[in-house]
Amino acid sequence: MASLNVYSVLVVLFLTCGVVMATKENYQIIMENNCKTKMGLPCVLEAFTSIFNTGSISNKCCGELVVLGKVCHSSLVKRTLENPVFKDLNPATIIAKSIQTWNNFLALIDSPSPST
């Protein structure tokens, strides 16, 4: 019985350390890549609304997001999900929406512009 309690404590400790490490990892990536300074506030708000709520993103902000880079984009989304304010959101749904948004932007940026 005592070994079950020790095992339970170790599992909780492992999970807690994993969450703390993930938080630190995302934070480090954001800081090392200067992710917070690569997009203007209006575009940050557009992207946030599109991923965490509903909305669309302008071509200008699409370009800024692609310049931000996938590493920064993913880390910022994951870091936002770590905030207790968003605890009721389904992380898998948000991450899937984030990936879909990223792929849509890449397709838009890579597509040839119509001739005028």
PDB file of N, CA and C in Angstrom:
ATOM      1  N   MET A   1       0.819  -1.190   0.000  1.00  0.00           N
ATOM      2  CA  MET A   1       0.000   0.000   0.000  1.00  0.00           C
ATOM      3  C   MET A   1       0.865   1.257   0.000  1.00  0.00           C
ATOM      4  N   ALA A   2       1.945   1.226   0.774  1.00  0.00           N
ATOM      5  CA  ALA A   2       2.836   2.386   0.836  1.00  0.00           C
ATOM      6  C   ALA A   2       3.504   2.611  -0.513  1.00  0.00           C
ATOM      7  N   SER A   3       3.820   1.521  -1.216  1.00  0.00           N
ATOM      8  CA  SER A   3       4.471   1.677  -2.519  1.00  0.00           C
ATOM      9  C   SER A   3       3.518   2.320  -3.528  1.00  0.00           C
ATOM     10  N   LEU A   4       2.230   2.071  -3.406  1.00  0.00           N
ATOM     11  CA  LEU A   4       1.240   2.699  -4.282  1.00  0.00           C
ATOM     12  C   LEU A   4       1.215   4.203  -4.046  1.00  0.00           C
ATOM     13  N   ASN A   5       1.283   4.633  -2.785  1.00  0.00           N
ATOM     14  CA  ASN A   5       1.308   6.061  -2.470  1.00  0.00           C
ATOM     15  C   ASN A   5       2.575   6.723  -2.996  1.00  0.00           C
ATOM     16  N   VAL A   6       3.698   6.051  -2.847  1.00  0.00           N
ATOM     17  CA  VAL A   6       4.960   6.589  -3.354  1.00  0.00           C
ATOM     18  C   VAL A   6       4.890   6.698  -4.872  1.00  0.00           C
ATOM     19  N   TYR A   7       4.345   5.671  -5.509  1.00  0.00           N
ATOM     20  CA  TYR A   7       4.204   5.681  -6.961  1.00  0.00           C
ATOM     21  C   TYR A   7       3.311   6.840  -7.402  1.00  0.00           C
ATOM     22  N   SER A   8       2.204   7.048  -6.717  1.00  0.00           N
ATOM     23  CA  SER A   8       1.286   8.138  -7.040  1.00  0.00           C
ATOM     24  C   SER A   8       1.971   9.484  -6.912  1.00  0.00           C
ATOM     25  N   VAL A   9       2.741   9.660  -5.861  1.00  0.00           N
ATOM     26  CA  VAL A   9       3.464  10.916  -5.656  1.00  0.00           C
ATOM     27  C   VAL A   9       4.482  11.133  -6.767  1.00  0.00           C
ATOM     28  N   LEU A  10       5.179  10.078  -7.157  1.00  0.00           N
ATOM     29  CA  LEU A  10       6.161  10.200  -8.231  1.00  0.00           C
ATOM     30  C   LEU A  10       5.507  10.565  -9.560  1.00  0.00           C
ATOM     31  N   VAL A  11       4.360   9.960  -9.846  1.00  0.00           N
ATOM     32  CA  VAL A  11       3.642  10.276 -11.090  1.00  0.00           C
ATOM     33  C   VAL A  11       3.218  11.740 -11.088  1.00  0.00           C
ATOM     34  N   VAL A  12       2.650  12.220  -9.991  1.00  0.00           N
ATOM     35  CA  VAL A  12       2.229  13.623  -9.889  1.00  0.00           C
ATOM     36  C   VAL A  12       3.438  14.540 -10.018  1.00  0.00           C
ATOM     37  N   LEU A  13       4.528  14.200  -9.373  1.00  0.00           N
ATOM     38  CA  LEU A  13       5.746  15.002  -9.451  1.00  0.00           C
ATOM     39  C   LEU A  13       6.272  15.047 -10.876  1.00  0.00           C
ATOM     40  N   PHE A  14       6.286  13.900 -11.552  1.00  0.00           N
ATOM     41  CA  PHE A  14       6.754  13.835 -12.934  1.00  0.00           C
ATOM     42  C   PHE A  14       5.889  14.699 -13.846  1.00  0.00           C
ATOM     43  N   LEU A  15       4.584  14.593 -13.709  1.00  0.00           N
ATOM     44  CA  LEU A  15       3.672  15.385 -14.538  1.00  0.00           C
ATOM     45  C   LEU A  15       3.826  16.867 -14.261  1.00  0.00           C
ATOM     46  N   THR A  16       3.958  17.233 -12.996  1.00  0.00           N
ATOM     47  CA  THR A  16       4.132  18.634 -12.629  1.00  0.00           C
ATOM     48  C   THR A  16       5.434  19.180 -13.207  1.00  0.00           C
ATOM     49  N   CYS A  17       6.517  18.429 -13.093  1.00  0.00           N
ATOM     50  CA  CYS A  17       7.805  18.871 -13.641  1.00  0.00           C
ATOM     51  C   CYS A  17       7.724  18.989 -15.156  1.00  0.00           C
ATOM     52  N   GLY A  18       7.015  18.088 -15.798  1.00  0.00           N
ATOM     53  CA  GLY A  18       6.853  18.149 -17.249  1.00  0.00           C
ATOM     54  C   GLY A  18       6.159  19.418 -17.680  1.00  0.00           C
ATOM     55  N   VAL A  19       5.120  19.824 -16.952  1.00  0.00           N
ATOM     56  CA  VAL A  19       4.395  21.057 -17.271  1.00  0.00           C
ATOM     57  C   VAL A  19       5.298  22.257 -17.060  1.00  0.00           C
ATOM     58  N   VAL A  20       6.028  22.282 -15.956  1.00  0.00           N
ATOM     59  CA  VAL A  20       6.933  23.394 -15.682  1.00  0.00           C
ATOM     60  C   VAL A  20       8.014  23.467 -16.752  1.00  0.00           C
ATOM     61  N   MET A  21       8.557  22.334 -17.160  1.00  0.00           N
ATOM     62  CA  MET A  21       9.592  22.324 -18.189  1.00  0.00           C
ATOM     63  C   MET A  21       9.029  22.795 -19.525  1.00  0.00           C
ATOM     64  N   ALA A  22       7.805  22.375 -19.866  1.00  0.00           N
ATOM     65  CA  ALA A  22       7.191  22.812 -21.118  1.00  0.00           C
ATOM     66  C   ALA A  22       6.991  24.320 -21.095  1.00  0.00           C
ATOM     67  N   THR A  23       6.562  24.855 -19.967  1.00  0.00           N
ATOM     68  CA  THR A  23       6.365  26.293 -19.829  1.00  0.00           C
ATOM     69  C   THR A  23       7.690  27.013 -20.036  1.00  0.00           C
ATOM     70  N   LYS A  24       8.733  26.543 -19.387  1.00  0.00           N
ATOM     71  CA  LYS A  24      10.043  27.173 -19.504  1.00  0.00           C
ATOM     72  C   LYS A  24      10.560  27.033 -20.930  1.00  0.00           C
ATOM     73  N   GLU A  25      10.340  25.895 -21.546  1.00  0.00           N
ATOM     74  CA  GLU A  25      10.817  25.667 -22.900  1.00  0.00           C
ATOM     75  C   GLU A  25      10.169  26.654 -23.878  1.00  0.00           C
ATOM     76  N   ASN A  26       8.857  26.807 -23.822  1.00  0.00           N
ATOM     77  CA  ASN A  26       8.174  27.748 -24.706  1.00  0.00           C
ATOM     78  C   ASN A  26       8.649  29.169 -24.447  1.00  0.00           C
ATOM     79  N   TYR A  27       8.791  29.525 -23.180  1.00  0.00           N
ATOM     80  CA  TYR A  27       9.252  30.860 -22.819  1.00  0.00           C
ATOM     81  C   TYR A  27      10.660  31.105 -23.378  1.00  0.00           C
ATOM     82  N   GLN A  28      11.545  30.120 -23.222  1.00  0.00           N
ATOM     83  CA  GLN A  28      12.914  30.254 -23.730  1.00  0.00           C
ATOM     84  C   GLN A  28      12.939  30.432 -25.242  1.00  0.00           C
ATOM     85  N   ILE A  29      12.146  29.654 -25.936  1.00  0.00           N
ATOM     86  CA  ILE A  29      12.080  29.758 -27.398  1.00  0.00           C
ATOM     87  C   ILE A  29      11.619  31.151 -27.796  1.00  0.00           C
ATOM     88  N   ILE A  30      10.591  31.645 -27.121  1.00  0.00           N
ATOM     89  CA  ILE A  30      10.053  32.975 -27.418  1.00  0.00           C
ATOM     90  C   ILE A  30      11.114  34.046 -27.190  1.00  0.00           C
ATOM     91  N   MET A  31      11.835  33.942 -26.075  1.00  0.00           N
ATOM     92  CA  MET A  31      12.838  34.955 -25.754  1.00  0.00           C
ATOM     93  C   MET A  31      14.052  34.857 -26.683  1.00  0.00           C
ATOM     94  N   GLU A  32      14.539  33.648 -26.932  1.00  0.00           N
ATOM     95  CA  GLU A  32      15.730  33.462 -27.766  1.00  0.00           C
ATOM     96  C   GLU A  32      15.515  33.906 -29.210  1.00  0.00           C
ATOM     97  N   ASN A  33      14.282  33.808 -29.686  1.00  0.00           N
ATOM     98  CA  ASN A  33      13.976  34.166 -31.078  1.00  0.00           C
ATOM     99  C   ASN A  33      13.344  35.544 -31.227  1.00  0.00           C
ATOM    100  N   ASN A  34      13.296  36.300 -30.128  1.00  0.00           N
ATOM    101  CA  ASN A  34      12.676  37.629 -30.142  1.00  0.00           C
ATOM    102  C   ASN A  34      11.281  37.603 -30.762  1.00  0.00           C
ATOM    103  N   CYS A  35      10.514  36.577 -30.438  1.00  0.00           N
ATOM    104  CA  CYS A  35       9.198  36.390 -31.043  1.00  0.00           C
ATOM    105  C   CYS A  35       8.234  37.536 -30.730  1.00  0.00           C
ATOM    106  N   LYS A  36       8.368  38.124 -29.561  1.00  0.00           N
ATOM    107  CA  LYS A  36       7.421  39.165 -29.154  1.00  0.00           C
ATOM    108  C   LYS A  36       7.587  40.456 -29.941  1.00  0.00           C
ATOM    109  N   THR A  37       8.686  40.623 -30.647  1.00  0.00           N
ATOM    110  CA  THR A  37       8.933  41.886 -31.338  1.00  0.00           C
ATOM    111  C   THR A  37       8.776  41.782 -32.851  1.00  0.00           C
ATOM    112  N   LYS A  38       8.395  40.631 -33.364  1.00  0.00           N
ATOM    113  CA  LYS A  38       8.373  40.428 -34.810  1.00  0.00           C
ATOM    114  C   LYS A  38       7.044  40.767 -35.478  1.00  0.00           C
ATOM    115  N   MET A  39       5.995  41.013 -34.694  1.00  0.00           N
ATOM    116  CA  MET A  39       4.685  41.348 -35.255  1.00  0.00           C
ATOM    117  C   MET A  39       4.146  42.589 -34.566  1.00  0.00           C
ATOM    118  N   GLY A  40       3.444  43.400 -35.339  1.00  0.00           N
ATOM    119  CA  GLY A  40       2.791  44.559 -34.762  1.00  0.00           C
ATOM    120  C   GLY A  40       1.553  44.148 -33.970  1.00  0.00           C
ATOM    121  N   LEU A  41       1.168  44.973 -33.018  1.00  0.00           N
ATOM    122  CA  LEU A  41       0.026  44.645 -32.160  1.00  0.00           C
ATOM    123  C   LEU A  41      -1.265  44.398 -32.935  1.00  0.00           C
ATOM    124  N   PRO A  42      -1.605  45.202 -33.948  1.00  0.00           N
ATOM    125  CA  PRO A  42      -2.849  44.915 -34.680  1.00  0.00           C
ATOM    126  C   PRO A  42      -2.853  43.516 -35.300  1.00  0.00           C
ATOM    127  N   CYS A  43      -1.710  43.085 -35.815  1.00  0.00           N
ATOM    128  CA  CYS A  43      -1.636  41.750 -36.422  1.00  0.00           C
ATOM    129  C   CYS A  43      -1.649  40.648 -35.363  1.00  0.00           C
ATOM    130  N   VAL A  44      -1.045  40.917 -34.222  1.00  0.00           N
ATOM    131  CA  VAL A  44      -1.092  39.954 -33.118  1.00  0.00           C
ATOM    132  C   VAL A  44      -2.547  39.723 -32.716  1.00  0.00           C
ATOM    133  N   LEU A  45      -3.306  40.810 -32.603  1.00  0.00           N
ATOM    134  CA  LEU A  45      -4.712  40.700 -32.215  1.00  0.00           C
ATOM    135  C   LEU A  45      -5.525  39.953 -33.270  1.00  0.00           C
ATOM    136  N   GLU A  46      -5.259  40.231 -34.548  1.00  0.00           N
ATOM    137  CA  GLU A  46      -5.956  39.504 -35.619  1.00  0.00           C
ATOM    138  C   GLU A  46      -5.660  38.011 -35.554  1.00  0.00           C
ATOM    139  N   ALA A  47      -4.393  37.670 -35.401  1.00  0.00           N
ATOM    140  CA  ALA A  47      -4.003  36.258 -35.354  1.00  0.00           C
ATOM    141  C   ALA A  47      -4.606  35.577 -34.129  1.00  0.00           C
ATOM    142  N   PHE A  48      -4.536  36.255 -32.988  1.00  0.00           N
ATOM    143  CA  PHE A  48      -5.087  35.695 -31.755  1.00  0.00           C
ATOM    144  C   PHE A  48      -6.581  35.420 -31.908  1.00  0.00           C
ATOM    145  N   THR A  49      -7.305  36.398 -32.437  1.00  0.00           N
ATOM    146  CA  THR A  49      -8.751  36.249 -32.613  1.00  0.00           C
ATOM    147  C   THR A  49      -9.060  35.107 -33.575  1.00  0.00           C
ATOM    148  N   SER A  50      -8.282  34.994 -34.634  1.00  0.00           N
ATOM    149  CA  SER A  50      -8.504  33.942 -35.617  1.00  0.00           C
ATOM    150  C   SER A  50      -8.282  32.551 -35.033  1.00  0.00           C
ATOM    151  N   ILE A  51      -7.264  32.424 -34.193  1.00  0.00           N
ATOM    152  CA  ILE A  51      -6.915  31.101 -33.655  1.00  0.00           C
ATOM    153  C   ILE A  51      -7.724  30.749 -32.417  1.00  0.00           C
ATOM    154  N   PHE A  52      -7.905  31.695 -31.510  1.00  0.00           N
ATOM    155  CA  PHE A  52      -8.560  31.409 -30.239  1.00  0.00           C
ATOM    156  C   PHE A  52     -10.048  31.718 -30.231  1.00  0.00           C
ATOM    157  N   ASN A  53     -10.547  32.325 -31.276  1.00  0.00           N
ATOM    158  CA  ASN A  53     -11.966  32.658 -31.353  1.00  0.00           C
ATOM    159  C   ASN A  53     -12.387  32.408 -32.794  1.00  0.00           C
ATOM    160  N   THR A  54     -13.004  33.372 -33.432  1.00  0.00           N
ATOM    161  CA  THR A  54     -13.302  33.266 -34.854  1.00  0.00           C
ATOM    162  C   THR A  54     -12.973  34.601 -35.502  1.00  0.00           C
ATOM    163  N   GLY A  55     -12.508  34.541 -36.686  1.00  0.00           N
ATOM    164  CA  GLY A  55     -12.155  35.760 -37.403  1.00  0.00           C
ATOM    165  C   GLY A  55     -11.212  35.431 -38.532  1.00  0.00           C
ATOM    166  N   SER A  56     -10.884  36.451 -39.278  1.00  0.00           N
ATOM    167  CA  SER A  56      -9.958  36.255 -40.383  1.00  0.00           C
ATOM    168  C   SER A  56      -8.764  37.185 -40.196  1.00  0.00           C
ATOM    169  N   ILE A  57      -7.751  36.931 -40.971  1.00  0.00           N
ATOM    170  CA  ILE A  57      -6.527  37.714 -40.877  1.00  0.00           C
ATOM    171  C   ILE A  57      -6.257  38.333 -42.242  1.00  0.00           C
ATOM    172  N   SER A  58      -5.918  39.594 -42.236  1.00  0.00           N
ATOM    173  CA  SER A  58      -5.632  40.314 -43.479  1.00  0.00           C
ATOM    174  C   SER A  58      -4.358  39.769 -44.130  1.00  0.00           C
ATOM    175  N   ASN A  59      -4.202  40.062 -45.410  1.00  0.00           N
ATOM    176  CA  ASN A  59      -2.990  39.629 -46.120  1.00  0.00           C
ATOM    177  C   ASN A  59      -1.745  40.226 -45.480  1.00  0.00           C
ATOM    178  N   LYS A  60      -1.834  41.478 -45.035  1.00  0.00           N
ATOM    179  CA  LYS A  60      -0.690  42.138 -44.387  1.00  0.00           C
ATOM    180  C   LYS A  60      -0.266  41.345 -43.150  1.00  0.00           C
ATOM    181  N   CYS A  61      -1.236  40.989 -42.324  1.00  0.00           N
ATOM    182  CA  CYS A  61      -0.922  40.254 -41.097  1.00  0.00           C
ATOM    183  C   CYS A  61      -0.504  38.824 -41.399  1.00  0.00           C
ATOM    184  N   CYS A  62      -1.038  38.273 -42.454  1.00  0.00           N
ATOM    185  CA  CYS A  62      -0.614  36.941 -42.892  1.00  0.00           C
ATOM    186  C   CYS A  62       0.883  36.966 -43.186  1.00  0.00           C
ATOM    187  N   GLY A  63       1.311  37.992 -43.901  1.00  0.00           N
ATOM    188  CA  GLY A  63       2.732  38.140 -44.214  1.00  0.00           C
ATOM    189  C   GLY A  63       3.573  38.303 -42.965  1.00  0.00           C
ATOM    190  N   GLU A  64       3.076  39.099 -42.001  1.00  0.00           N
ATOM    191  CA  GLU A  64       3.813  39.293 -40.743  1.00  0.00           C
ATOM    192  C   GLU A  64       3.928  37.983 -39.971  1.00  0.00           C
ATOM    193  N   LEU A  65       2.855  37.187 -39.994  1.00  0.00           N
ATOM    194  CA  LEU A  65       2.883  35.916 -39.273  1.00  0.00           C
ATOM    195  C   LEU A  65       3.896  34.961 -39.883  1.00  0.00           C
ATOM    196  N   VAL A  66       3.969  34.932 -41.201  1.00  0.00           N
ATOM    197  CA  VAL A  66       4.928  34.049 -41.867  1.00  0.00           C
ATOM    198  C   VAL A  66       6.356  34.507 -41.575  1.00  0.00           C
ATOM    199  N   VAL A  67       6.579  35.828 -41.537  1.00  0.00           N
ATOM    200  CA  VAL A  67       7.903  36.349 -41.182  1.00  0.00           C
ATOM    201  C   VAL A  67       8.239  35.994 -39.732  1.00  0.00           C
ATOM    202  N   LEU A  68       7.222  35.994 -38.870  1.00  0.00           N
ATOM    203  CA  LEU A  68       7.405  35.604 -37.467  1.00  0.00           C
ATOM    204  C   LEU A  68       8.060  34.229 -37.396  1.00  0.00           C
ATOM    205  N   GLY A  69       7.604  33.332 -38.260  1.00  0.00           N
ATOM    206  CA  GLY A  69       8.180  31.991 -38.318  1.00  0.00           C
ATOM    207  C   GLY A  69       7.346  30.974 -37.555  1.00  0.00           C
ATOM    208  N   LYS A  70       7.435  29.745 -38.002  1.00  0.00           N
ATOM    209  CA  LYS A  70       6.624  28.670 -37.422  1.00  0.00           C
ATOM    210  C   LYS A  70       7.016  28.375 -35.971  1.00  0.00           C
ATOM    211  N   VAL A  71       8.303  28.440 -35.671  1.00  0.00           N
ATOM    212  CA  VAL A  71       8.748  28.152 -34.297  1.00  0.00           C
ATOM    213  C   VAL A  71       8.140  29.162 -33.330  1.00  0.00           C
ATOM    214  N   CYS A  72       8.216  30.442 -33.682  1.00  0.00           N
ATOM    215  CA  CYS A  72       7.637  31.475 -32.823  1.00  0.00           C
ATOM    216  C   CYS A  72       6.121  31.325 -32.750  1.00  0.00           C
ATOM    217  N   HIS A  73       5.504  31.098 -33.900  1.00  0.00           N
ATOM    218  CA  HIS A  73       4.049  30.942 -33.953  1.00  0.00           C
ATOM    219  C   HIS A  73       3.592  29.821 -33.016  1.00  0.00           C
ATOM    220  N   SER A  74       4.199  28.664 -33.135  1.00  0.00           N
ATOM    221  CA  SER A  74       3.818  27.511 -32.305  1.00  0.00           C
ATOM    222  C   SER A  74       4.088  27.766 -30.825  1.00  0.00           C
ATOM    223  N   SER A  75       5.236  28.346 -30.524  1.00  0.00           N
ATOM    224  CA  SER A  75       5.579  28.605 -29.118  1.00  0.00           C
ATOM    225  C   SER A  75       4.646  29.624 -28.483  1.00  0.00           C
ATOM    226  N   LEU A  76       4.292  30.657 -29.227  1.00  0.00           N
ATOM    227  CA  LEU A  76       3.376  31.672 -28.688  1.00  0.00           C
ATOM    228  C   LEU A  76       1.987  31.084 -28.438  1.00  0.00           C
ATOM    229  N   VAL A  77       1.510  30.238 -29.345  1.00  0.00           N
ATOM    230  CA  VAL A  77       0.205  29.598 -29.153  1.00  0.00           C
ATOM    231  C   VAL A  77       0.251  28.690 -27.921  1.00  0.00           C
ATOM    232  N   LYS A  78       1.289  27.871 -27.813  1.00  0.00           N
ATOM    233  CA  LYS A  78       1.408  26.958 -26.665  1.00  0.00           C
ATOM    234  C   LYS A  78       1.566  27.732 -25.359  1.00  0.00           C
ATOM    235  N   ARG A  79       2.337  28.809 -25.395  1.00  0.00           N
ATOM    236  CA  ARG A  79       2.527  29.636 -24.186  1.00  0.00           C
ATOM    237  C   ARG A  79       1.201  30.262 -23.770  1.00  0.00           C
ATOM    238  N   THR A  80       0.413  30.702 -24.733  1.00  0.00           N
ATOM    239  CA  THR A  80      -0.900  31.273 -24.423  1.00  0.00           C
ATOM    240  C   THR A  80      -1.800  30.226 -23.786  1.00  0.00           C
ATOM    241  N   LEU A  81      -1.744  29.004 -24.291  1.00  0.00           N
ATOM    242  CA  LEU A  81      -2.570  27.924 -23.726  1.00  0.00           C
ATOM    243  C   LEU A  81      -2.175  27.587 -22.289  1.00  0.00           C
ATOM    244  N   GLU A  82      -0.956  27.923 -21.893  1.00  0.00           N
ATOM    245  CA  GLU A  82      -0.508  27.664 -20.522  1.00  0.00           C
ATOM    246  C   GLU A  82      -1.127  28.640 -19.527  1.00  0.00           C
ATOM    247  N   ASN A  83      -1.673  29.736 -20.023  1.00  0.00           N
ATOM    248  CA  ASN A  83      -2.292  30.741 -19.162  1.00  0.00           C
ATOM    249  C   ASN A  83      -3.599  30.175 -18.596  1.00  0.00           C
ATOM    250  N   PRO A  84      -3.798  30.266 -17.274  1.00  0.00           N
ATOM    251  CA  PRO A  84      -5.022  29.733 -16.655  1.00  0.00           C
ATOM    252  C   PRO A  84      -6.312  30.338 -17.206  1.00  0.00           C
ATOM    253  N   VAL A  85      -6.235  31.514 -17.792  1.00  0.00           N
ATOM    254  CA  VAL A  85      -7.420  32.149 -18.376  1.00  0.00           C
ATOM    255  C   VAL A  85      -8.025  31.267 -19.471  1.00  0.00           C
ATOM    256  N   PHE A  86      -7.167  30.482 -20.134  1.00  0.00           N
ATOM    257  CA  PHE A  86      -7.615  29.659 -21.248  1.00  0.00           C
ATOM    258  C   PHE A  86      -7.782  28.191 -20.878  1.00  0.00           C
ATOM    259  N   LYS A  87      -7.929  27.904 -19.595  1.00  0.00           N
ATOM    260  CA  LYS A  87      -8.006  26.520 -19.138  1.00  0.00           C
ATOM    261  C   LYS A  87      -9.229  25.770 -19.672  1.00  0.00           C
ATOM    262  N   ASP A  88     -10.279  26.493 -20.045  1.00  0.00           N
ATOM    263  CA  ASP A  88     -11.484  25.836 -20.543  1.00  0.00           C
ATOM    264  C   ASP A  88     -11.414  25.495 -22.027  1.00  0.00           C
ATOM    265  N   LEU A  89     -10.390  25.979 -22.705  1.00  0.00           N
ATOM    266  CA  LEU A  89     -10.243  25.674 -24.127  1.00  0.00           C
ATOM    267  C   LEU A  89      -9.604  24.300 -24.304  1.00  0.00           C
ATOM    268  N   ASN A  90      -9.960  23.656 -25.382  1.00  0.00           N
ATOM    269  CA  ASN A  90      -9.379  22.355 -25.702  1.00  0.00           C
ATOM    270  C   ASN A  90      -8.053  22.594 -26.426  1.00  0.00           C
ATOM    271  N   PRO A  91      -6.916  22.291 -25.781  1.00  0.00           N
ATOM    272  CA  PRO A  91      -5.609  22.555 -26.411  1.00  0.00           C
ATOM    273  C   PRO A  91      -5.447  21.880 -27.769  1.00  0.00           C
ATOM    274  N   ALA A  92      -5.940  20.670 -27.915  1.00  0.00           N
ATOM    275  CA  ALA A  92      -5.798  19.957 -29.193  1.00  0.00           C
ATOM    276  C   ALA A  92      -6.525  20.698 -30.314  1.00  0.00           C
ATOM    277  N   THR A  93      -7.697  21.240 -30.012  1.00  0.00           N
ATOM    278  CA  THR A  93      -8.468  21.992 -31.001  1.00  0.00           C
ATOM    279  C   THR A  93      -7.739  23.278 -31.383  1.00  0.00           C
ATOM    280  N   ILE A  94      -7.213  23.974 -30.383  1.00  0.00           N
ATOM    281  CA  ILE A  94      -6.511  25.234 -30.641  1.00  0.00           C
ATOM    282  C   ILE A  94      -5.238  24.987 -31.442  1.00  0.00           C
ATOM    283  N   ILE A  95      -4.490  23.966 -31.081  1.00  0.00           N
ATOM    284  CA  ILE A  95      -3.254  23.667 -31.808  1.00  0.00           C
ATOM    285  C   ILE A  95      -3.570  23.254 -33.244  1.00  0.00           C
ATOM    286  N   ALA A  96      -4.629  22.460 -33.435  1.00  0.00           N
ATOM    287  CA  ALA A  96      -5.035  22.082 -34.799  1.00  0.00           C
ATOM    288  C   ALA A  96      -5.434  23.318 -35.604  1.00  0.00           C
ATOM    289  N   LYS A  97      -6.153  24.234 -34.970  1.00  0.00           N
ATOM    290  CA  LYS A  97      -6.555  25.469 -35.646  1.00  0.00           C
ATOM    291  C   LYS A  97      -5.333  26.328 -35.964  1.00  0.00           C
ATOM    292  N   SER A  98      -4.379  26.343 -35.064  1.00  0.00           N
ATOM    293  CA  SER A  98      -3.140  27.088 -35.256  1.00  0.00           C
ATOM    294  C   SER A  98      -2.360  26.536 -36.453  1.00  0.00           C
ATOM    295  N   ILE A  99      -2.257  25.225 -36.546  1.00  0.00           N
ATOM    296  CA  ILE A  99      -1.548  24.573 -37.662  1.00  0.00           C
ATOM    297  C   ILE A  99      -2.271  24.851 -38.977  1.00  0.00           C
ATOM    298  N   GLN A 100      -3.596  24.756 -38.943  1.00  0.00           N
ATOM    299  CA  GLN A 100      -4.391  25.029 -40.142  1.00  0.00           C
ATOM    300  C   GLN A 100      -4.193  26.479 -40.592  1.00  0.00           C
ATOM    301  N   THR A 101      -4.215  27.406 -39.634  1.00  0.00           N
ATOM    302  CA  THR A 101      -4.002  28.820 -39.945  1.00  0.00           C
ATOM    303  C   THR A 101      -2.628  29.013 -40.576  1.00  0.00           C
ATOM    304  N   TRP A 102      -1.600  28.413 -39.980  1.00  0.00           N
ATOM    305  CA  TRP A 102      -0.238  28.529 -40.508  1.00  0.00           C
ATOM    306  C   TRP A 102      -0.169  28.007 -41.940  1.00  0.00           C
ATOM    307  N   ASN A 103      -0.731  26.821 -42.181  1.00  0.00           N
ATOM    308  CA  ASN A 103      -0.689  26.218 -43.517  1.00  0.00           C
ATOM    309  C   ASN A 103      -1.444  27.065 -44.540  1.00  0.00           C
ATOM    310  N   ASN A 104      -2.581  27.638 -44.128  1.00  0.00           N
ATOM    311  CA  ASN A 104      -3.344  28.515 -45.028  1.00  0.00           C
ATOM    312  C   ASN A 104      -2.520  29.741 -45.419  1.00  0.00           C
ATOM    313  N   PHE A 105      -1.794  30.303 -44.467  1.00  0.00           N
ATOM    314  CA  PHE A 105      -0.978  31.479 -44.747  1.00  0.00           C
ATOM    315  C   PHE A 105       0.166  31.143 -45.684  1.00  0.00           C
ATOM    316  N   LEU A 106       0.802  30.012 -45.454  1.00  0.00           N
ATOM    317  CA  LEU A 106       1.888  29.607 -46.345  1.00  0.00           C
ATOM    318  C   LEU A 106       1.387  29.431 -47.768  1.00  0.00           C
ATOM    319  N   ALA A 107       0.208  28.811 -47.904  1.00  0.00           N
ATOM    320  CA  ALA A 107      -0.376  28.610 -49.237  1.00  0.00           C
ATOM    321  C   ALA A 107      -0.683  29.961 -49.880  1.00  0.00           C
ATOM    322  N   LEU A 108      -1.181  30.896 -49.090  1.00  0.00           N
ATOM    323  CA  LEU A 108      -1.509  32.218 -49.621  1.00  0.00           C
ATOM    324  C   LEU A 108      -0.250  32.961 -50.050  1.00  0.00           C
ATOM    325  N   ILE A 109       0.782  32.880 -49.246  1.00  0.00           N
ATOM    326  CA  ILE A 109       2.050  33.568 -49.554  1.00  0.00           C
ATOM    327  C   ILE A 109       2.727  32.919 -50.770  1.00  0.00           C
ATOM    328  N   ASP A 110       2.670  31.596 -50.857  1.00  0.00           N
ATOM    329  CA  ASP A 110       3.335  30.866 -51.940  1.00  0.00           C
ATOM    330  C   ASP A 110       2.578  30.900 -53.265  1.00  0.00           C
ATOM    331  N   SER A 111       1.273  31.227 -53.206  1.00  0.00           N
ATOM    332  CA  SER A 111       0.494  31.212 -54.438  1.00  0.00           C
ATOM    333  C   SER A 111       0.866  32.422 -55.295  1.00  0.00           C
ATOM    334  N   PRO A 112       0.916  32.216 -56.597  1.00  0.00           N
ATOM    335  CA  PRO A 112       1.269  33.340 -57.471  1.00  0.00           C
ATOM    336  C   PRO A 112       0.158  34.385 -57.466  1.00  0.00           C
ATOM    337  N   SER A 113       0.553  35.631 -57.486  1.00  0.00           N
ATOM    338  CA  SER A 113      -0.451  36.697 -57.496  1.00  0.00           C
ATOM    339  C   SER A 113      -1.051  36.792 -58.888  1.00  0.00           C
ATOM    340  N   PRO A 114      -2.340  37.137 -58.962  1.00  0.00           N
ATOM    341  CA  PRO A 114      -2.977  37.227 -60.281  1.00  0.00           C
ATOM    342  C   PRO A 114      -2.372  38.367 -61.102  1.00  0.00           C
ATOM    343  N   SER A 115      -2.278  38.154 -62.397  1.00  0.00           N
ATOM    344  CA  SER A 115      -1.729  39.195 -63.284  1.00  0.00           C
ATOM    345  C   SER A 115      -2.746  40.303 -63.466  1.00  0.00           C
ATOM    346  N   THR A 116      -2.245  41.514 -63.510  1.00  0.00           N
ATOM    347  CA  THR A 116      -3.153  42.645 -63.733  1.00  0.00           C
ATOM    348  C   THR A 116      -2.865  43.330 -65.032  1.00  0.00           C
TER     349      THR A 116
END
